[in-house]
N, C-alpha and C. Protein backbone atom coordinates (compact mmCIF):
# COMPACT_ATOMS: atom_id res chain seq x y z
N MET A 1 23.96 93.04 102.47
CA MET A 1 23.71 92.62 101.11
C MET A 1 22.30 93.07 100.71
N GLN A 2 22.19 93.71 99.57
CA GLN A 2 20.90 94.18 99.09
C GLN A 2 20.10 93.03 98.48
N THR A 3 18.81 93.08 98.71
CA THR A 3 17.91 92.05 98.18
C THR A 3 16.98 92.67 97.14
N LEU A 4 16.27 91.82 96.43
CA LEU A 4 15.31 92.32 95.44
C LEU A 4 14.26 93.22 96.08
N GLN A 5 13.83 92.86 97.26
CA GLN A 5 12.82 93.67 97.95
C GLN A 5 13.35 95.07 98.25
N ASP A 6 14.64 95.18 98.59
CA ASP A 6 15.22 96.48 98.90
C ASP A 6 15.14 97.44 97.71
N LEU A 7 15.26 96.91 96.50
CA LEU A 7 15.33 97.76 95.32
C LEU A 7 14.04 97.89 94.53
N SER A 8 13.15 96.94 94.68
CA SER A 8 12.01 96.84 93.76
C SER A 8 11.09 98.06 93.72
N ALA A 9 10.95 98.80 94.79
CA ALA A 9 10.01 99.91 94.82
C ALA A 9 10.53 101.17 94.14
N THR A 10 11.82 101.44 94.20
CA THR A 10 12.32 102.72 93.69
C THR A 10 13.52 102.61 92.75
N PHE A 11 13.93 101.42 92.41
CA PHE A 11 15.06 101.23 91.52
C PHE A 11 14.71 100.29 90.37
N ARG A 12 15.43 100.38 89.30
CA ARG A 12 15.36 99.42 88.19
C ARG A 12 16.77 98.91 87.95
N ILE A 13 16.86 97.67 87.48
CA ILE A 13 18.16 97.08 87.18
C ILE A 13 18.22 96.83 85.67
N TYR A 14 19.31 97.23 85.07
CA TYR A 14 19.52 97.04 83.64
C TYR A 14 20.75 96.18 83.43
N GLY A 15 20.62 95.18 82.57
CA GLY A 15 21.76 94.39 82.14
C GLY A 15 22.38 95.09 80.94
N VAL A 16 23.71 95.17 80.92
CA VAL A 16 24.42 95.85 79.84
C VAL A 16 25.35 94.85 79.17
N CYS A 17 25.18 94.66 77.87
CA CYS A 17 26.08 93.81 77.11
C CYS A 17 27.19 94.71 76.57
N GLU A 18 28.35 94.60 77.14
CA GLU A 18 29.44 95.47 76.72
C GLU A 18 29.92 95.20 75.30
N PRO A 19 29.96 93.94 74.82
CA PRO A 19 30.40 93.71 73.44
C PRO A 19 29.50 94.36 72.38
N CYS A 20 28.18 94.26 72.54
CA CYS A 20 27.29 94.80 71.49
C CYS A 20 26.53 96.06 71.93
N GLN A 21 26.75 96.50 73.16
CA GLN A 21 26.16 97.73 73.71
C GLN A 21 24.64 97.67 73.89
N ARG A 22 24.07 96.51 73.95
CA ARG A 22 22.63 96.38 74.18
C ARG A 22 22.35 96.56 75.66
N VAL A 23 21.25 97.24 75.96
CA VAL A 23 20.82 97.47 77.34
C VAL A 23 19.39 96.98 77.46
N LYS A 24 19.13 96.19 78.50
CA LYS A 24 17.79 95.62 78.67
C LYS A 24 17.44 95.65 80.15
N ALA A 25 16.22 96.07 80.45
CA ALA A 25 15.75 96.09 81.84
C ALA A 25 15.54 94.67 82.34
N VAL A 26 15.95 94.42 83.56
CA VAL A 26 15.74 93.12 84.21
C VAL A 26 14.32 93.11 84.76
N ASP A 27 13.63 92.01 84.57
CA ASP A 27 12.25 91.86 85.05
C ASP A 27 12.26 91.59 86.55
N LEU A 28 12.25 92.66 87.34
CA LEU A 28 12.31 92.51 88.80
C LEU A 28 11.06 91.83 89.35
N ALA A 29 9.90 92.15 88.80
CA ALA A 29 8.67 91.52 89.29
C ALA A 29 8.71 90.01 89.06
N GLY A 30 9.20 89.59 87.91
CA GLY A 30 9.33 88.16 87.62
C GLY A 30 10.32 87.48 88.53
N LEU A 31 11.46 88.15 88.78
CA LEU A 31 12.46 87.58 89.69
C LEU A 31 11.93 87.49 91.11
N LEU A 32 11.23 88.52 91.55
CA LEU A 32 10.63 88.49 92.89
C LEU A 32 9.68 87.31 93.04
N GLU A 33 8.87 87.10 92.02
CA GLU A 33 7.91 85.99 92.07
C GLU A 33 8.62 84.64 92.06
N LYS A 34 9.65 84.53 91.25
CA LYS A 34 10.35 83.24 91.11
C LYS A 34 11.31 82.95 92.25
N GLU A 35 12.11 83.95 92.64
CA GLU A 35 13.20 83.74 93.60
C GLU A 35 12.87 84.19 95.03
N GLY A 36 11.90 85.08 95.17
CA GLY A 36 11.54 85.57 96.51
C GLY A 36 12.19 86.88 96.85
N LYS A 37 11.65 87.52 97.87
CA LYS A 37 12.09 88.87 98.25
C LYS A 37 13.50 88.93 98.82
N ASP A 38 14.02 87.83 99.30
CA ASP A 38 15.36 87.83 99.92
C ASP A 38 16.47 87.45 98.95
N TYR A 39 16.16 87.35 97.66
CA TYR A 39 17.17 87.01 96.66
C TYR A 39 18.20 88.14 96.55
N PRO A 40 19.50 87.84 96.69
CA PRO A 40 20.52 88.88 96.65
C PRO A 40 20.68 89.49 95.25
N VAL A 41 20.73 90.81 95.20
CA VAL A 41 20.88 91.53 93.93
C VAL A 41 22.19 91.11 93.23
N GLU A 42 23.23 90.91 93.96
CA GLU A 42 24.53 90.55 93.38
C GLU A 42 24.45 89.25 92.57
N ARG A 43 23.55 88.35 92.92
CA ARG A 43 23.44 87.07 92.19
C ARG A 43 22.83 87.25 90.80
N ILE A 44 22.19 88.39 90.57
CA ILE A 44 21.64 88.66 89.24
C ILE A 44 22.75 88.71 88.20
N ARG A 45 23.91 89.24 88.59
CA ARG A 45 25.06 89.35 87.66
C ARG A 45 25.40 88.01 87.02
N MET A 46 25.31 86.94 87.77
CA MET A 46 25.67 85.61 87.26
C MET A 46 24.67 85.10 86.23
N ARG A 47 23.48 85.69 86.19
CA ARG A 47 22.42 85.20 85.31
C ARG A 47 22.30 86.01 84.02
N LEU A 48 23.06 87.09 83.90
CA LEU A 48 22.92 87.96 82.74
C LEU A 48 23.56 87.38 81.48
N TRP A 49 22.82 87.44 80.38
CA TRP A 49 23.35 87.07 79.07
C TRP A 49 22.57 87.87 78.04
N CYS A 50 23.18 88.12 76.91
CA CYS A 50 22.58 88.93 75.87
C CYS A 50 21.81 88.05 74.88
N SER A 51 20.54 88.36 74.68
CA SER A 51 19.75 87.57 73.74
C SER A 51 20.04 87.95 72.29
N GLN A 52 20.76 89.04 72.10
CA GLN A 52 21.10 89.47 70.75
C GLN A 52 22.39 88.81 70.26
N CYS A 53 23.48 88.92 71.03
CA CYS A 53 24.77 88.36 70.58
C CYS A 53 25.13 87.07 71.32
N ARG A 54 24.29 86.66 72.27
CA ARG A 54 24.44 85.39 73.01
C ARG A 54 25.68 85.33 73.91
N GLN A 55 26.21 86.47 74.30
CA GLN A 55 27.37 86.47 75.20
C GLN A 55 26.91 86.75 76.62
N ARG A 56 27.68 86.23 77.56
CA ARG A 56 27.41 86.50 78.98
C ARG A 56 28.09 87.82 79.35
N SER A 57 27.44 88.53 80.22
CA SER A 57 28.00 89.79 80.70
C SER A 57 27.63 89.94 82.16
N ARG A 58 28.52 90.44 82.94
CA ARG A 58 28.21 90.70 84.35
C ARG A 58 27.96 92.17 84.61
N ALA A 59 27.89 92.94 83.52
CA ALA A 59 27.67 94.38 83.67
C ALA A 59 26.20 94.66 83.91
N MET A 60 25.94 95.39 84.97
CA MET A 60 24.56 95.79 85.24
C MET A 60 24.59 97.16 85.89
N ARG A 61 23.51 97.88 85.70
CA ARG A 61 23.38 99.20 86.28
C ARG A 61 22.11 99.24 87.11
N ILE A 62 22.24 99.80 88.29
CA ILE A 62 21.09 99.97 89.18
C ILE A 62 20.76 101.46 89.15
N VAL A 63 19.54 101.77 88.73
CA VAL A 63 19.15 103.16 88.48
C VAL A 63 17.98 103.54 89.38
N TYR A 64 18.14 104.65 90.08
CA TYR A 64 17.04 105.17 90.90
C TYR A 64 15.99 105.77 89.99
N VAL A 65 14.74 105.36 90.16
CA VAL A 65 13.65 105.89 89.34
C VAL A 65 12.56 106.56 90.18
N GLY A 66 12.72 106.57 91.46
CA GLY A 66 11.74 107.22 92.32
C GLY A 66 10.60 106.31 92.70
N PRO A 67 9.57 106.87 93.29
CA PRO A 67 8.42 106.09 93.74
C PRO A 67 7.72 105.37 92.59
N GLU A 68 7.01 104.32 92.92
CA GLU A 68 6.28 103.51 91.94
C GLU A 68 5.32 104.38 91.13
N GLY A 69 5.20 104.07 89.85
CA GLY A 69 4.29 104.79 89.00
C GLY A 69 4.92 105.90 88.18
N ARG A 70 6.14 106.26 88.48
CA ARG A 70 6.83 107.28 87.69
C ARG A 70 7.52 106.62 86.51
N THR A 71 7.55 107.31 85.40
CA THR A 71 8.23 106.80 84.21
C THR A 71 9.68 107.26 84.24
N ALA A 72 10.59 106.36 83.95
CA ALA A 72 12.01 106.70 83.93
C ALA A 72 12.66 106.07 82.71
N THR A 73 13.67 106.70 82.21
CA THR A 73 14.43 106.14 81.10
C THR A 73 15.89 106.09 81.50
N PHE A 74 16.60 105.20 80.86
CA PHE A 74 18.02 105.04 81.13
C PHE A 74 18.73 104.78 79.81
N ARG A 75 19.78 105.53 79.57
CA ARG A 75 20.58 105.33 78.37
C ARG A 75 22.02 105.10 78.82
N TYR A 76 22.58 103.97 78.42
CA TYR A 76 23.94 103.63 78.82
C TYR A 76 24.92 104.30 77.88
N ALA A 77 25.89 104.98 78.43
CA ALA A 77 26.95 105.59 77.65
C ALA A 77 28.29 105.16 78.24
N ARG A 78 29.16 104.71 77.41
CA ARG A 78 30.46 104.26 77.87
C ARG A 78 31.35 105.39 78.24
């Protein structure tokens, strides 16, 4: 099972609201601070909700962005 620590250095997690197509980066640093390094990535799915349309969604994308300090962008396309 992957943990927040496993992904935090080279990956970003994005929540995807399938009804309204909104995409938002998950605050991994905040989650690490609040939940700890051993928090399972899969449990993030249960916490996702859209602040725009107020619907829950379990859709998330894990995107490789490379080493810390590099800028990366992600655009969700259905």
